[in-house]
Amino acid sequence: MTTCREEALRWVHRYAIGGAAFAALPLPISTSAGLVAIETHMMTMIGEIYGESVGSVATTAAGGSFAILGQGLKFLATRAVGFVPVIGPAIRMTIAGLTIVAIGRGIVGHFERKYPGKVFDRP
């Protein structure tokens, strides 16, 4: 028997790996928008695991918050990469992955407060 928390955390780690890989891409534009999309989709997925649909207003609000957070972290990453340019991609990957894990754990915590110990029903 799998709990919703266990299943949601599995997905959080999958999204973190995907976000870290995306952050490593040598794109000429900022990867923040792509990471915001990943984080917003993760929020929707976690909501579905708990059997709750996340509305468009909540998704939009969260996406905006993720974008602001992403810009701040991008600034820090850019500063850090300036000091050690050889390992810049590793720094970007680490920041992206850890940020997604932190956001994901926060979302899971929110749903756990609403539905403590809920058993995951596979669709």
PDB file of N, CA and C in Angstrom:
ATOM      1  N   MET A   1       0.842  -1.170   0.000  1.00  0.00           N
ATOM      2  CA  MET A   1       0.000   0.000   0.000  1.00  0.00           C
ATOM      3  C   MET A   1       0.898   1.248   0.000  1.00  0.00           C
ATOM      4  N   THR A   2       0.689   2.088  -0.985  1.00  0.00           N
ATOM      5  CA  THR A   2       1.475   3.302  -1.143  1.00  0.00           C
ATOM      6  C   THR A   2       0.643   4.501  -0.699  1.00  0.00           C
ATOM      7  N   THR A   3       1.260   5.390   0.056  1.00  0.00           N
ATOM      8  CA  THR A   3       0.552   6.608   0.447  1.00  0.00           C
ATOM      9  C   THR A   3       0.715   7.661  -0.648  1.00  0.00           C
ATOM     10  N   CYS A   4      -0.164   8.634  -0.629  1.00  0.00           N
ATOM     11  CA  CYS A   4      -0.061   9.740  -1.576  1.00  0.00           C
ATOM     12  C   CYS A   4       1.256  10.484  -1.394  1.00  0.00           C
ATOM     13  N   ARG A   5       1.701  10.602  -0.151  1.00  0.00           N
ATOM     14  CA  ARG A   5       2.959  11.293   0.132  1.00  0.00           C
ATOM     15  C   ARG A   5       4.128  10.599  -0.560  1.00  0.00           C
ATOM     16  N   GLU A   6       4.193   9.276  -0.449  1.00  0.00           N
ATOM     17  CA  GLU A   6       5.283   8.530  -1.087  1.00  0.00           C
ATOM     18  C   GLU A   6       5.251   8.695  -2.603  1.00  0.00           C
ATOM     19  N   GLU A   7       4.068   8.579  -3.176  1.00  0.00           N
ATOM     20  CA  GLU A   7       3.936   8.716  -4.631  1.00  0.00           C
ATOM     21  C   GLU A   7       4.287  10.135  -5.076  1.00  0.00           C
ATOM     22  N   ALA A   8       3.808  11.136  -4.337  1.00  0.00           N
ATOM     23  CA  ALA A   8       4.089  12.525  -4.699  1.00  0.00           C
ATOM     24  C   ALA A   8       5.589  12.823  -4.614  1.00  0.00           C
ATOM     25  N   LEU A   9       6.253  12.318  -3.579  1.00  0.00           N
ATOM     26  CA  LEU A   9       7.694  12.561  -3.462  1.00  0.00           C
ATOM     27  C   LEU A   9       8.475  11.872  -4.573  1.00  0.00           C
ATOM     28  N   ARG A  10       7.993  10.722  -5.029  1.00  0.00           N
ATOM     29  CA  ARG A  10       8.635  10.085  -6.201  1.00  0.00           C
ATOM     30  C   ARG A  10       8.572  11.024  -7.400  1.00  0.00           C
ATOM     31  N   TRP A  11       7.413  11.632  -7.592  1.00  0.00           N
ATOM     32  CA  TRP A  11       7.263  12.553  -8.718  1.00  0.00           C
ATOM     33  C   TRP A  11       8.089  13.815  -8.518  1.00  0.00           C
ATOM     34  N   VAL A  12       8.190  14.297  -7.303  1.00  0.00           N
ATOM     35  CA  VAL A  12       9.018  15.479  -7.032  1.00  0.00           C
ATOM     36  C   VAL A  12      10.449  15.207  -7.468  1.00  0.00           C
ATOM     37  N   HIS A  13      10.965  14.043  -7.134  1.00  0.00           N
ATOM     38  CA  HIS A  13      12.345  13.718  -7.513  1.00  0.00           C
ATOM     39  C   HIS A  13      12.500  13.582  -9.027  1.00  0.00           C
ATOM     40  N   ARG A  14      11.489  13.054  -9.691  1.00  0.00           N
ATOM     41  CA  ARG A  14      11.536  12.968 -11.162  1.00  0.00           C
ATOM     42  C   ARG A  14      11.567  14.361 -11.778  1.00  0.00           C
ATOM     43  N   TYR A  15      10.712  15.244 -11.260  1.00  0.00           N
ATOM     44  CA  TYR A  15      10.699  16.612 -11.769  1.00  0.00           C
ATOM     45  C   TYR A  15      12.014  17.320 -11.474  1.00  0.00           C
ATOM     46  N   ALA A  16      12.612  17.078 -10.318  1.00  0.00           N
ATOM     47  CA  ALA A  16      13.885  17.700  -9.973  1.00  0.00           C
ATOM     48  C   ALA A  16      14.983  17.259 -10.936  1.00  0.00           C
ATOM     49  N   ILE A  17      14.999  15.984 -11.277  1.00  0.00           N
ATOM     50  CA  ILE A  17      15.993  15.487 -12.232  1.00  0.00           C
ATOM     51  C   ILE A  17      15.777  16.140 -13.597  1.00  0.00           C
ATOM     52  N   GLY A  18      14.517  16.214 -14.025  1.00  0.00           N
ATOM     53  CA  GLY A  18      14.203  16.855 -15.308  1.00  0.00           C
ATOM     54  C   GLY A  18      14.575  18.329 -15.312  1.00  0.00           C
ATOM     55  N   GLY A  19      14.281  19.016 -14.215  1.00  0.00           N
ATOM     56  CA  GLY A  19      14.619  20.436 -14.126  1.00  0.00           C
ATOM     57  C   GLY A  19      16.119  20.671 -14.126  1.00  0.00           C
ATOM     58  N   ALA A  20      16.844  19.812 -13.438  1.00  0.00           N
ATOM     59  CA  ALA A  20      18.304  19.934 -13.411  1.00  0.00           C
ATOM     60  C   ALA A  20      18.883  19.700 -14.806  1.00  0.00           C
ATOM     61  N   ALA A  21      18.352  18.706 -15.500  1.00  0.00           N
ATOM     62  CA  ALA A  21      18.822  18.440 -16.864  1.00  0.00           C
ATOM     63  C   ALA A  21      18.500  19.622 -17.781  1.00  0.00           C
ATOM     64  N   PHE A  22      17.314  20.190 -17.613  1.00  0.00           N
ATOM     65  CA  PHE A  22      16.930  21.351 -18.422  1.00  0.00           C
ATOM     66  C   PHE A  22      17.843  22.535 -18.141  1.00  0.00           C
ATOM     67  N   ALA A  23      18.182  22.751 -16.883  1.00  0.00           N
ATOM     68  CA  ALA A  23      19.050  23.876 -16.512  1.00  0.00           C
ATOM     69  C   ALA A  23      20.454  23.719 -17.081  1.00  0.00           C
ATOM     70  N   ALA A  24      20.854  22.491 -17.373  1.00  0.00           N
ATOM     71  CA  ALA A  24      22.197  22.252 -17.909  1.00  0.00           C
ATOM     72  C   ALA A  24      22.297  22.553 -19.404  1.00  0.00           C
ATOM     73  N   LEU A  25      21.155  22.684 -20.073  1.00  0.00           N
ATOM     74  CA  LEU A  25      21.187  22.937 -21.514  1.00  0.00           C
ATOM     75  C   LEU A  25      21.830  24.289 -21.805  1.00  0.00           C
ATOM     76  N   PRO A  26      22.726  24.325 -22.767  1.00  0.00           N
ATOM     77  CA  PRO A  26      23.378  25.602 -23.098  1.00  0.00           C
ATOM     78  C   PRO A  26      22.491  26.455 -24.011  1.00  0.00           C
ATOM     79  N   LEU A  27      21.432  27.016 -23.448  1.00  0.00           N
ATOM     80  CA  LEU A  27      20.496  27.824 -24.226  1.00  0.00           C
ATOM     81  C   LEU A  27      20.922  29.287 -24.200  1.00  0.00           C
ATOM     82  N   PRO A  28      20.721  30.004 -25.318  1.00  0.00           N
ATOM     83  CA  PRO A  28      21.096  31.425 -25.340  1.00  0.00           C
ATOM     84  C   PRO A  28      20.107  32.303 -24.569  1.00  0.00           C
ATOM     85  N   ILE A  29      18.983  31.728 -24.163  1.00  0.00           N
ATOM     86  CA  ILE A  29      17.982  32.473 -23.402  1.00  0.00           C
ATOM     87  C   ILE A  29      17.920  31.924 -21.978  1.00  0.00           C
ATOM     88  N   SER A  30      17.204  32.607 -21.136  1.00  0.00           N
ATOM     89  CA  SER A  30      17.055  32.175 -19.749  1.00  0.00           C
ATOM     90  C   SER A  30      16.236  30.894 -19.673  1.00  0.00           C
ATOM     91  N   THR A  31      16.626  30.004 -18.787  1.00  0.00           N
ATOM     92  CA  THR A  31      15.879  28.759 -18.596  1.00  0.00           C
ATOM     93  C   THR A  31      14.783  28.915 -17.542  1.00  0.00           C
ATOM     94  N   SER A  32      14.637  30.109 -16.981  1.00  0.00           N
ATOM     95  CA  SER A  32      13.663  30.333 -15.909  1.00  0.00           C
ATOM     96  C   SER A  32      12.246  30.004 -16.346  1.00  0.00           C
ATOM     97  N   ALA A  33      11.852  30.405 -17.545  1.00  0.00           N
ATOM     98  CA  ALA A  33      10.483  30.147 -18.008  1.00  0.00           C
ATOM     99  C   ALA A  33      10.219  28.646 -18.109  1.00  0.00           C
ATOM    100  N   GLY A  34      11.180  27.904 -18.597  1.00  0.00           N
ATOM    101  CA  GLY A  34      11.018  26.450 -18.683  1.00  0.00           C
ATOM    102  C   GLY A  34      10.926  25.808 -17.320  1.00  0.00           C
ATOM    103  N   LEU A  35      11.725  26.294 -16.390  1.00  0.00           N
ATOM    104  CA  LEU A  35      11.685  25.753 -15.030  1.00  0.00           C
ATOM    105  C   LEU A  35      10.365  26.095 -14.344  1.00  0.00           C
ATOM    106  N   VAL A  36       9.825  27.279 -14.614  1.00  0.00           N
ATOM    107  CA  VAL A  36       8.521  27.653 -14.058  1.00  0.00           C
ATOM    108  C   VAL A  36       7.449  26.708 -14.578  1.00  0.00           C
ATOM    109  N   ALA A  37       7.516  26.373 -15.857  1.00  0.00           N
ATOM    110  CA  ALA A  37       6.543  25.433 -16.432  1.00  0.00           C
ATOM    111  C   ALA A  37       6.656  24.063 -15.761  1.00  0.00           C
ATOM    112  N   ILE A  38       7.873  23.611 -15.528  1.00  0.00           N
ATOM    113  CA  ILE A  38       8.090  22.326 -14.865  1.00  0.00           C
ATOM    114  C   ILE A  38       7.514  22.356 -13.448  1.00  0.00           C
ATOM    115  N   GLU A  39       7.790  23.415 -12.711  1.00  0.00           N
ATOM    116  CA  GLU A  39       7.316  23.527 -11.327  1.00  0.00           C
ATOM    117  C   GLU A  39       5.794  23.614 -11.265  1.00  0.00           C
ATOM    118  N   THR A  40       5.194  24.359 -12.183  1.00  0.00           N
ATOM    119  CA  THR A  40       3.736  24.493 -12.211  1.00  0.00           C
ATOM    120  C   THR A  40       3.082  23.161 -12.562  1.00  0.00           C
ATOM    121  N   HIS A  41       3.651  22.457 -13.514  1.00  0.00           N
ATOM    122  CA  HIS A  41       3.112  21.140 -13.876  1.00  0.00           C
ATOM    123  C   HIS A  41       3.249  20.175 -12.704  1.00  0.00           C
ATOM    124  N   MET A  42       4.352  20.248 -11.987  1.00  0.00           N
ATOM    125  CA  MET A  42       4.562  19.392 -10.820  1.00  0.00           C
ATOM    126  C   MET A  42       3.478  19.660  -9.774  1.00  0.00           C
ATOM    127  N   MET A  43       3.141  20.928  -9.562  1.00  0.00           N
ATOM    128  CA  MET A  43       2.101  21.270  -8.601  1.00  0.00           C
ATOM    129  C   MET A  43       0.767  20.635  -9.001  1.00  0.00           C
ATOM    130  N   THR A  44       0.439  20.691 -10.275  1.00  0.00           N
ATOM    131  CA  THR A  44      -0.797  20.091 -10.766  1.00  0.00           C
ATOM    132  C   THR A  44      -0.767  18.577 -10.583  1.00  0.00           C
ATOM    133  N   MET A  45       0.362  17.960 -10.872  1.00  0.00           N
ATOM    134  CA  MET A  45       0.507  16.506 -10.743  1.00  0.00           C
ATOM    135  C   MET A  45       0.339  16.064  -9.290  1.00  0.00           C
ATOM    136  N   ILE A  46       0.943  16.781  -8.370  1.00  0.00           N
ATOM    137  CA  ILE A  46       0.827  16.431  -6.952  1.00  0.00           C
ATOM    138  C   ILE A  46      -0.626  16.569  -6.506  1.00  0.00           C
ATOM    139  N   GLY A  47      -1.293  17.619  -6.958  1.00  0.00           N
ATOM    140  CA  GLY A  47      -2.714  17.784  -6.642  1.00  0.00           C
ATOM    141  C   GLY A  47      -3.542  16.612  -7.137  1.00  0.00           C
ATOM    142  N   GLU A  48      -3.245  16.141  -8.351  1.00  0.00           N
ATOM    143  CA  GLU A  48      -3.971  14.993  -8.902  1.00  0.00           C
ATOM    144  C   GLU A  48      -3.700  13.726  -8.103  1.00  0.00           C
ATOM    145  N   ILE A  49      -2.497  13.556  -7.614  1.00  0.00           N
ATOM    146  CA  ILE A  49      -2.174  12.385  -6.795  1.00  0.00           C
ATOM    147  C   ILE A  49      -3.056  12.366  -5.551  1.00  0.00           C
ATOM    148  N   TYR A  50      -3.288  13.539  -4.978  1.00  0.00           N
ATOM    149  CA  TYR A  50      -4.130  13.635  -3.781  1.00  0.00           C
ATOM    150  C   TYR A  50      -5.622  13.698  -4.124  1.00  0.00           C
ATOM    151  N   GLY A  51      -5.952  13.632  -5.413  1.00  0.00           N
ATOM    152  CA  GLY A  51      -7.348  13.628  -5.820  1.00  0.00           C
ATOM    153  C   GLY A  51      -7.986  15.000  -5.855  1.00  0.00           C
ATOM    154  N   GLU A  52      -7.183  16.022  -5.991  1.00  0.00           N
ATOM    155  CA  GLU A  52      -7.697  17.380  -6.003  1.00  0.00           C
ATOM    156  C   GLU A  52      -7.204  18.084  -7.257  1.00  0.00           C
ATOM    157  N   SER A  53      -8.127  18.705  -7.967  1.00  0.00           N
ATOM    158  CA  SER A  53      -7.693  19.443  -9.154  1.00  0.00           C
ATOM    159  C   SER A  53      -7.286  20.847  -8.726  1.00  0.00           C
ATOM    160  N   VAL A  54      -6.193  21.299  -9.272  1.00  0.00           N
ATOM    161  CA  VAL A  54      -5.690  22.629  -8.956  1.00  0.00           C
ATOM    162  C   VAL A  54      -6.273  23.567  -9.998  1.00  0.00           C
ATOM    163  N   GLY A  55      -7.006  24.569  -9.553  1.00  0.00           N
ATOM    164  CA  GLY A  55      -7.681  25.491 -10.466  1.00  0.00           C
ATOM    165  C   GLY A  55      -6.729  26.385 -11.225  1.00  0.00           C
ATOM    166  N   SER A  56      -7.263  27.032 -12.257  1.00  0.00           N
ATOM    167  CA  SER A  56      -6.435  27.887 -13.100  1.00  0.00           C
ATOM    168  C   SER A  56      -5.946  29.128 -12.354  1.00  0.00           C
ATOM    169  N   VAL A  57      -6.736  29.638 -11.423  1.00  0.00           N
ATOM    170  CA  VAL A  57      -6.292  30.814 -10.665  1.00  0.00           C
ATOM    171  C   VAL A  57      -5.103  30.445  -9.779  1.00  0.00           C
ATOM    172  N   ALA A  58      -5.208  29.309  -9.095  1.00  0.00           N
ATOM    173  CA  ALA A  58      -4.104  28.862  -8.234  1.00  0.00           C
ATOM    174  C   ALA A  58      -2.863  28.560  -9.062  1.00  0.00           C
ATOM    175  N   THR A  59      -3.056  27.946 -10.219  1.00  0.00           N
ATOM    176  CA  THR A  59      -1.931  27.617 -11.083  1.00  0.00           C
ATOM    177  C   THR A  59      -1.241  28.890 -11.572  1.00  0.00           C
ATOM    178  N   THR A  60      -2.028  29.882 -11.960  1.00  0.00           N
ATOM    179  CA  THR A  60      -1.465  31.146 -12.430  1.00  0.00           C
ATOM    180  C   THR A  60      -0.715  31.859 -11.318  1.00  0.00           C
ATOM    181  N   ALA A  61      -1.311  31.893 -10.128  1.00  0.00           N
ATOM    182  CA  ALA A  61      -0.653  32.547  -8.991  1.00  0.00           C
ATOM    183  C   ALA A  61       0.652  31.846  -8.637  1.00  0.00           C
ATOM    184  N   ALA A  62       0.615  30.519  -8.622  1.00  0.00           N
ATOM    185  CA  ALA A  62       1.829  29.773  -8.304  1.00  0.00           C
ATOM    186  C   ALA A  62       2.894  29.982  -9.382  1.00  0.00           C
ATOM    187  N   GLY A  63       2.469  29.980 -10.641  1.00  0.00           N
ATOM    188  CA  GLY A  63       3.421  30.200 -11.727  1.00  0.00           C
ATOM    189  C   GLY A  63       4.126  31.535 -11.604  1.00  0.00           C
ATOM    190  N   GLY A  64       3.382  32.574 -11.229  1.00  0.00           N
ATOM    191  CA  GLY A  64       3.991  33.886 -11.022  1.00  0.00           C
ATOM    192  C   GLY A  64       4.977  33.883  -9.871  1.00  0.00           C
ATOM    193  N   SER A  65       4.610  33.206  -8.795  1.00  0.00           N
ATOM    194  CA  SER A  65       5.516  33.103  -7.642  1.00  0.00           C
ATOM    195  C   SER A  65       6.775  32.341  -8.009  1.00  0.00           C
ATOM    196  N   PHE A  66       6.610  31.250  -8.755  1.00  0.00           N
ATOM    197  CA  PHE A  66       7.763  30.464  -9.184  1.00  0.00           C
ATOM    198  C   PHE A  66       8.665  31.292 -10.093  1.00  0.00           C
ATOM    199  N   ALA A  67       8.067  32.138 -10.940  1.00  0.00           N
ATOM    200  CA  ALA A  67       8.859  32.964 -11.847  1.00  0.00           C
ATOM    201  C   ALA A  67       9.707  33.966 -11.067  1.00  0.00           C
ATOM    202  N   ILE A  68       9.114  34.584 -10.052  1.00  0.00           N
ATOM    203  CA  ILE A  68       9.857  35.545  -9.237  1.00  0.00           C
ATOM    204  C   ILE A  68      10.994  34.839  -8.497  1.00  0.00           C
ATOM    205  N   LEU A  69      10.683  33.693  -7.900  1.00  0.00           N
ATOM    206  CA  LEU A  69      11.703  32.911  -7.205  1.00  0.00           C
ATOM    207  C   LEU A  69      12.818  32.512  -8.171  1.00  0.00           C
ATOM    208  N   GLY A  70      12.429  32.092  -9.379  1.00  0.00           N
ATOM    209  CA  GLY A  70      13.412  31.671 -10.377  1.00  0.00           C
ATOM    210  C   GLY A  70      14.338  32.793 -10.792  1.00  0.00           C
ATOM    211  N   GLN A  71      13.808  34.007 -10.911  1.00  0.00           N
ATOM    212  CA  GLN A  71      14.654  35.141 -11.290  1.00  0.00           C
ATOM    213  C   GLN A  71      15.680  35.447 -10.202  1.00  0.00           C
ATOM    214  N   GLY A  72      15.245  35.351  -8.952  1.00  0.00           N
ATOM    215  CA  GLY A  72      16.181  35.584  -7.844  1.00  0.00           C
ATOM    216  C   GLY A  72      17.273  34.533  -7.799  1.00  0.00           C
ATOM    217  N   LEU A  73      16.891  33.285  -7.977  1.00  0.00           N
ATOM    218  CA  LEU A  73      17.881  32.210  -7.964  1.00  0.00           C
ATOM    219  C   LEU A  73      18.789  32.285  -9.186  1.00  0.00           C
ATOM    220  N   LYS A  74      18.235  32.710 -10.324  1.00  0.00           N
ATOM    221  CA  LYS A  74      19.049  32.861 -11.524  1.00  0.00           C
ATOM    222  C   LYS A  74      20.116  33.932 -11.291  1.00  0.00           C
ATOM    223  N   PHE A  75      19.741  35.006 -10.621  1.00  0.00           N
ATOM    224  CA  PHE A  75      20.711  36.056 -10.304  1.00  0.00           C
ATOM    225  C   PHE A  75      21.840  35.497  -9.446  1.00  0.00           C
ATOM    226  N   LEU A  76      21.479  34.724  -8.410  1.00  0.00           N
ATOM    227  CA  LEU A  76      22.498  34.123  -7.548  1.00  0.00           C
ATOM    228  C   LEU A  76      23.378  33.146  -8.322  1.00  0.00           C
ATOM    229  N   ALA A  77      22.750  32.349  -9.187  1.00  0.00           N
ATOM    230  CA  ALA A  77      23.517  31.379  -9.976  1.00  0.00           C
ATOM    231  C   ALA A  77      24.481  32.094 -10.917  1.00  0.00           C
ATOM    232  N   THR A  78      24.027  33.183 -11.534  1.00  0.00           N
ATOM    233  CA  THR A  78      24.890  33.937 -12.447  1.00  0.00           C
ATOM    234  C   THR A  78      26.099  34.502 -11.709  1.00  0.00           C
ATOM    235  N   ARG A  79      25.867  34.999 -10.498  1.00  0.00           N
ATOM    236  CA  ARG A  79      26.967  35.518  -9.689  1.00  0.00           C
ATOM    237  C   ARG A  79      27.944  34.397  -9.326  1.00  0.00           C
ATOM    238  N   ALA A  80      27.407  33.250  -8.932  1.00  0.00           N
ATOM    239  CA  ALA A  80      28.259  32.125  -8.539  1.00  0.00           C
ATOM    240  C   ALA A  80      29.059  31.607  -9.723  1.00  0.00           C
ATOM    241  N   VAL A  81      28.423  31.536 -10.899  1.00  0.00           N
ATOM    242  CA  VAL A  81      29.114  31.048 -12.094  1.00  0.00           C
ATOM    243  C   VAL A  81      30.243  31.986 -12.470  1.00  0.00           C
ATOM    244  N   GLY A  82      30.079  33.285 -12.213  1.00  0.00           N
ATOM    245  CA  GLY A  82      31.134  34.243 -12.514  1.00  0.00           C
ATOM    246  C   GLY A  82      32.409  33.982 -11.725  1.00  0.00           C
ATOM    247  N   PHE A  83      32.257  33.442 -10.541  1.00  0.00           N
ATOM    248  CA  PHE A  83      33.427  33.150  -9.709  1.00  0.00           C
ATOM    249  C   PHE A  83      34.113  31.844 -10.109  1.00  0.00           C
ATOM    250  N   VAL A  84      33.341  30.877 -10.567  1.00  0.00           N
ATOM    251  CA  VAL A  84      33.891  29.573 -10.950  1.00  0.00           C
ATOM    252  C   VAL A  84      33.276  29.122 -12.277  1.00  0.00           C
ATOM    253  N   PRO A  85      33.743  29.680 -13.394  1.00  0.00           N
ATOM    254  CA  PRO A  85      33.118  29.409 -14.684  1.00  0.00           C
ATOM    255  C   PRO A  85      33.216  27.960 -15.158  1.00  0.00           C
ATOM    256  N   VAL A  86      34.176  27.210 -14.691  1.00  0.00           N
ATOM    257  CA  VAL A  86      34.353  25.837 -15.167  1.00  0.00           C
ATOM    258  C   VAL A  86      33.202  24.938 -14.720  1.00  0.00           C
ATOM    259  N   ILE A  87      32.717  25.174 -13.510  1.00  0.00           N
ATOM    260  CA  ILE A  87      31.640  24.315 -13.011  1.00  0.00           C
ATOM    261  C   ILE A  87      30.280  25.019 -13.014  1.00  0.00           C
ATOM    262  N   GLY A  88      30.121  26.021 -13.863  1.00  0.00           N
ATOM    263  CA  GLY A  88      28.870  26.767 -13.970  1.00  0.00           C
ATOM    264  C   GLY A  88      27.642  25.903 -14.213  1.00  0.00           C
ATOM    265  N   PRO A  89      27.694  24.991 -15.211  1.00  0.00           N
ATOM    266  CA  PRO A  89      26.512  24.149 -15.445  1.00  0.00           C
ATOM    267  C   PRO A  89      26.142  23.295 -14.228  1.00  0.00           C
ATOM    268  N   ALA A  90      27.127  22.816 -13.506  1.00  0.00           N
ATOM    269  CA  ALA A  90      26.831  22.013 -12.311  1.00  0.00           C
ATOM    270  C   ALA A  90      26.147  22.860 -11.245  1.00  0.00           C
ATOM    271  N   ILE A  91      26.553  24.106 -11.130  1.00  0.00           N
ATOM    272  CA  ILE A  91      25.913  25.003 -10.164  1.00  0.00           C
ATOM    273  C   ILE A  91      24.470  25.258 -10.569  1.00  0.00           C
ATOM    274  N   ARG A  92      24.245  25.553 -11.854  1.00  0.00           N
ATOM    275  CA  ARG A  92      22.871  25.777 -12.338  1.00  0.00           C
ATOM    276  C   ARG A  92      22.007  24.549 -12.120  1.00  0.00           C
ATOM    277  N   MET A  93      22.546  23.372 -12.411  1.00  0.00           N
ATOM    278  CA  MET A  93      21.788  22.131 -12.228  1.00  0.00           C
ATOM    279  C   MET A  93      21.427  21.923 -10.763  1.00  0.00           C
ATOM    280  N   THR A  94      22.381  22.164  -9.890  1.00  0.00           N
ATOM    281  CA  THR A  94      22.147  21.976  -8.458  1.00  0.00           C
ATOM    282  C   THR A  94      21.080  22.930  -7.945  1.00  0.00           C
ATOM    283  N   ILE A  95      21.179  24.183  -8.327  1.00  0.00           N
ATOM    284  CA  ILE A  95      20.193  25.164  -7.871  1.00  0.00           C
ATOM    285  C   ILE A  95      18.808  24.807  -8.396  1.00  0.00           C
ATOM    286  N   ALA A  96      18.706  24.442  -9.676  1.00  0.00           N
ATOM    287  CA  ALA A  96      17.401  24.091 -10.247  1.00  0.00           C
ATOM    288  C   ALA A  96      16.811  22.869  -9.551  1.00  0.00           C
ATOM    289  N   GLY A  97      17.619  21.829  -9.396  1.00  0.00           N
ATOM    290  CA  GLY A  97      17.126  20.603  -8.762  1.00  0.00           C
ATOM    291  C   GLY A  97      16.697  20.808  -7.329  1.00  0.00           C
ATOM    292  N   LEU A  98      17.515  21.503  -6.553  1.00  0.00           N
ATOM    293  CA  LEU A  98      17.182  21.737  -5.140  1.00  0.00           C
ATOM    294  C   LEU A  98      15.968  22.648  -4.981  1.00  0.00           C
ATOM    295  N   THR A  99      15.830  23.610  -5.888  1.00  0.00           N
ATOM    296  CA  THR A  99      14.662  24.491  -5.835  1.00  0.00           C
ATOM    297  C   THR A  99      13.388  23.711  -6.101  1.00  0.00           C
ATOM    298  N   ILE A 100      13.419  22.843  -7.095  1.00  0.00           N
ATOM    299  CA  ILE A 100      12.241  22.037  -7.420  1.00  0.00           C
ATOM    300  C   ILE A 100      11.908  21.091  -6.271  1.00  0.00           C
ATOM    301  N   VAL A 101      12.911  20.498  -5.655  1.00  0.00           N
ATOM    302  CA  VAL A 101      12.667  19.625  -4.505  1.00  0.00           C
ATOM    303  C   VAL A 101      12.039  20.419  -3.361  1.00  0.00           C
ATOM    304  N   ALA A 102      12.558  21.608  -3.085  1.00  0.00           N
ATOM    305  CA  ALA A 102      12.020  22.423  -1.990  1.00  0.00           C
ATOM    306  C   ALA A 102      10.569  22.818  -2.262  1.00  0.00           C
ATOM    307  N   ILE A 103      10.289  23.256  -3.478  1.00  0.00           N
ATOM    308  CA  ILE A 103       8.915  23.627  -3.830  1.00  0.00           C
ATOM    309  C   ILE A 103       8.009  22.401  -3.761  1.00  0.00           C
ATOM    310  N   GLY A 104       8.482  21.284  -4.293  1.00  0.00           N
ATOM    311  CA  GLY A 104       7.688  20.052  -4.274  1.00  0.00           C
ATOM    312  C   GLY A 104       7.377  19.584  -2.866  1.00  0.00           C
ATOM    313  N   ARG A 105       8.371  19.626  -1.996  1.00  0.00           N
ATOM    314  CA  ARG A 105       8.136  19.221  -0.604  1.00  0.00           C
ATOM    315  C   ARG A 105       7.151  20.166   0.085  1.00  0.00           C
ATOM    316  N   GLY A 106       7.200  21.429  -0.263  1.00  0.00           N
ATOM    317  CA  GLY A 106       6.235  22.381   0.286  1.00  0.00           C
ATOM    318  C   GLY A 106       4.818  22.075  -0.168  1.00  0.00           C
ATOM    319  N   ILE A 107       4.672  21.735  -1.434  1.00  0.00           N
ATOM    320  CA  ILE A 107       3.352  21.391  -1.967  1.00  0.00           C
ATOM    321  C   ILE A 107       2.843  20.100  -1.331  1.00  0.00           C
ATOM    322  N   VAL A 108       3.719  19.103  -1.210  1.00  0.00           N
ATOM    323  CA  VAL A 108       3.332  17.841  -0.569  1.00  0.00           C
ATOM    324  C   VAL A 108       2.932  18.110   0.887  1.00  0.00           C
ATOM    325  N   GLY A 109       3.676  18.961   1.571  1.00  0.00           N
ATOM    326  CA  GLY A 109       3.341  19.310   2.948  1.00  0.00           C
ATOM    327  C   GLY A 109       1.960  19.939   3.050  1.00  0.00           C
ATOM    328  N   HIS A 110       1.628  20.785   2.089  1.00  0.00           N
ATOM    329  CA  HIS A 110       0.306  21.411   2.053  1.00  0.00           C
ATOM    330  C   HIS A 110      -0.789  20.349   1.953  1.00  0.00           C
ATOM    331  N   PHE A 111      -0.619  19.421   1.026  1.00  0.00           N
ATOM    332  CA  PHE A 111      -1.637  18.384   0.846  1.00  0.00           C
ATOM    333  C   PHE A 111      -1.652  17.397   2.001  1.00  0.00           C
ATOM    334  N   GLU A 112      -0.510  17.157   2.621  1.00  0.00           N
ATOM    335  CA  GLU A 112      -0.478  16.255   3.779  1.00  0.00           C
ATOM    336  C   GLU A 112      -1.233  16.848   4.968  1.00  0.00           C
ATOM    337  N   ARG A 113      -1.193  18.166   5.089  1.00  0.00           N
ATOM    338  CA  ARG A 113      -1.978  18.787   6.161  1.00  0.00           C
ATOM    339  C   ARG A 113      -3.470  18.641   5.898  1.00  0.00           C
ATOM    340  N   LYS A 114      -3.854  18.654   4.626  1.00  0.00           N
ATOM    341  CA  LYS A 114      -5.271  18.494   4.272  1.00  0.00           C
ATOM    342  C   LYS A 114      -5.713  17.038   4.326  1.00  0.00           C
ATOM    343  N   TYR A 115      -4.846  16.133   3.864  1.00  0.00           N
ATOM    344  CA  TYR A 115      -5.177  14.708   3.768  1.00  0.00           C
ATOM    345  C   TYR A 115      -4.070  13.871   4.398  1.00  0.00           C
ATOM    346  N   PRO A 116      -3.914  13.897   5.711  1.00  0.00           N
ATOM    347  CA  PRO A 116      -2.797  13.170   6.337  1.00  0.00           C
ATOM    348  C   PRO A 116      -2.887  11.672   6.133  1.00  0.00           C
ATOM    349  N   GLY A 117      -1.806  11.082   5.634  1.00  0.00           N
ATOM    350  CA  GLY A 117      -1.716   9.632   5.481  1.00  0.00           C
ATOM    351  C   GLY A 117      -2.639   9.028   4.451  1.00  0.00           C
ATOM    352  N   LYS A 118      -3.148   9.825   3.512  1.00  0.00           N
ATOM    353  CA  LYS A 118      -4.065   9.324   2.502  1.00  0.00           C
ATOM    354  C   LYS A 118      -3.394   8.267   1.643  1.00  0.00           C
ATOM    355  N   VAL A 119      -4.138   7.187   1.370  1.00  0.00           N
ATOM    356  CA  VAL A 119      -3.630   6.086   0.551  1.00  0.00           C
ATOM    357  C   VAL A 119      -3.804   6.460  -0.922  1.00  0.00           C
ATOM    358  N   PHE A 120      -2.771   6.195  -1.715  1.00  0.00           N
ATOM    359  CA  PHE A 120      -2.792   6.511  -3.133  1.00  0.00           C
ATOM    360  C   PHE A 120      -3.616   5.479  -3.883  1.00  0.00           C
ATOM    361  N   ASP A 121      -4.628   5.963  -4.604  1.00  0.00           N
ATOM    362  CA  ASP A 121      -5.454   5.104  -5.469  1.00  0.00           C
ATOM    363  C   ASP A 121      -4.978   5.284  -6.885  1.00  0.00           C
ATOM    364  N   ARG A 122      -4.433   4.251  -7.439  1.00  0.00           N
ATOM    365  CA  ARG A 122      -3.954   4.338  -8.829  1.00  0.00           C
ATOM    366  C   ARG A 122      -5.156   4.439  -9.756  1.00  0.00           C
ATOM    367  N   PRO A 123      -5.115   5.407 -10.700  1.00  0.00           N
ATOM    368  CA  PRO A 123      -6.248   5.570 -11.624  1.00  0.00           C
ATOM    369  C   PRO A 123      -6.333   4.458 -12.637  1.00  0.00           C
TER     370      PRO A 123
END
